[in-house]
């Protein structure tokens, strides 16, 4: 049961931080691709990769920088 709670806590924390980056990330992706669909696909890929490696980040303050680094890679 504790592992399920830890997973849910991780998910909620990630969602809270990632949603704060959504608009600036979409703006950047759209400028790069000039396509809403391609920008959305880039964002989806970024969210998946970031979620999988969310344990690597040490504090919330560096989340946005870390998130954009994943996007650019």
Protein backbone atom coordinates (compact mmCIF):
# COMPACT_ATOMS: atom_id res chain seq x y z
CA UNK A 1 0.00 0.00 0.00
CA UNK A 2 2.82 2.44 0.78
CA UNK A 3 4.28 2.07 -2.71
CA UNK A 4 0.94 3.03 -4.24
CA UNK A 5 0.81 6.14 -2.05
CA UNK A 6 4.38 7.05 -2.99
CA UNK A 7 3.55 6.65 -6.68
CA UNK A 8 0.42 8.77 -6.33
CA UNK A 9 2.36 11.46 -4.45
CA UNK A 10 5.02 11.45 -7.17
CA UNK A 11 2.37 11.72 -9.88
CA UNK A 12 0.62 14.64 -8.18
CA UNK A 13 3.88 16.51 -7.58
CA UNK A 14 4.97 16.00 -11.18
CA UNK A 15 1.61 17.18 -12.52
CA UNK A 16 1.70 20.30 -10.34
CA UNK A 17 5.17 21.28 -11.52
CA UNK A 18 4.77 20.22 -15.15
CA UNK A 19 1.49 22.09 -15.65
CA UNK A 20 3.26 25.31 -14.66
CA UNK A 21 5.54 24.80 -17.67
CA UNK A 22 2.85 23.93 -20.20
CA UNK A 23 2.22 27.35 -21.75
CA UNK A 24 5.85 28.42 -22.13
CA UNK A 25 6.76 24.96 -23.40
CA UNK A 26 3.96 25.03 -25.99
CA UNK A 27 4.99 28.52 -27.12
CA UNK A 28 8.57 27.34 -27.63
CA UNK A 29 7.51 24.13 -29.40
CA UNK A 30 5.13 26.02 -31.69
CA UNK A 31 7.80 28.58 -32.61
CA UNK A 32 10.13 25.71 -33.48
CA UNK A 33 7.65 23.69 -35.53
CA UNK A 34 5.05 26.22 -36.75
CA UNK A 35 2.50 23.43 -36.23
CA UNK A 36 0.09 22.87 -33.38
CA UNK A 37 0.09 19.09 -33.90
CA UNK A 38 3.88 18.82 -33.98
CA UNK A 39 4.20 21.09 -30.94
CA UNK A 40 1.73 18.94 -29.02
CA UNK A 41 3.63 15.79 -30.01
CA UNK A 42 6.89 17.31 -28.77
CA UNK A 43 5.28 18.27 -25.49
CA UNK A 44 3.79 14.80 -25.04
CA UNK A 45 7.18 13.21 -25.64
CA UNK A 46 8.80 15.64 -23.19
CA UNK A 47 6.21 14.89 -20.49
CA UNK A 48 6.72 11.14 -20.84
CA UNK A 49 10.50 11.38 -20.71
CA UNK A 50 10.41 13.82 -17.81
CA UNK A 51 7.99 11.70 -15.79
CA UNK A 52 10.16 8.61 -16.25
CA UNK A 53 13.19 10.45 -14.87
CA UNK A 54 11.38 12.62 -12.31
CA UNK A 55 13.25 10.90 -9.46
CA UNK A 56 16.51 12.43 -10.73
CA UNK A 57 15.57 16.02 -9.88
CA UNK A 58 16.60 17.08 -6.40
CA UNK A 59 14.43 20.15 -5.81
CA UNK A 60 11.36 21.89 -7.19
CA UNK A 61 13.27 25.11 -7.87
CA UNK A 62 15.23 23.58 -10.73
CA UNK A 63 12.27 21.76 -12.27
CA UNK A 64 11.55 24.24 -15.06
CA UNK A 65 15.18 24.35 -16.20
CA UNK A 66 15.42 20.57 -16.04
CA UNK A 67 12.12 20.19 -17.90
CA UNK A 68 13.23 22.48 -20.73
CA UNK A 69 16.53 20.63 -20.99
CA UNK A 70 14.60 17.41 -21.58
CA UNK A 71 12.49 19.20 -24.18
CA UNK A 72 15.54 20.47 -26.05
CA UNK A 73 17.31 17.10 -26.08
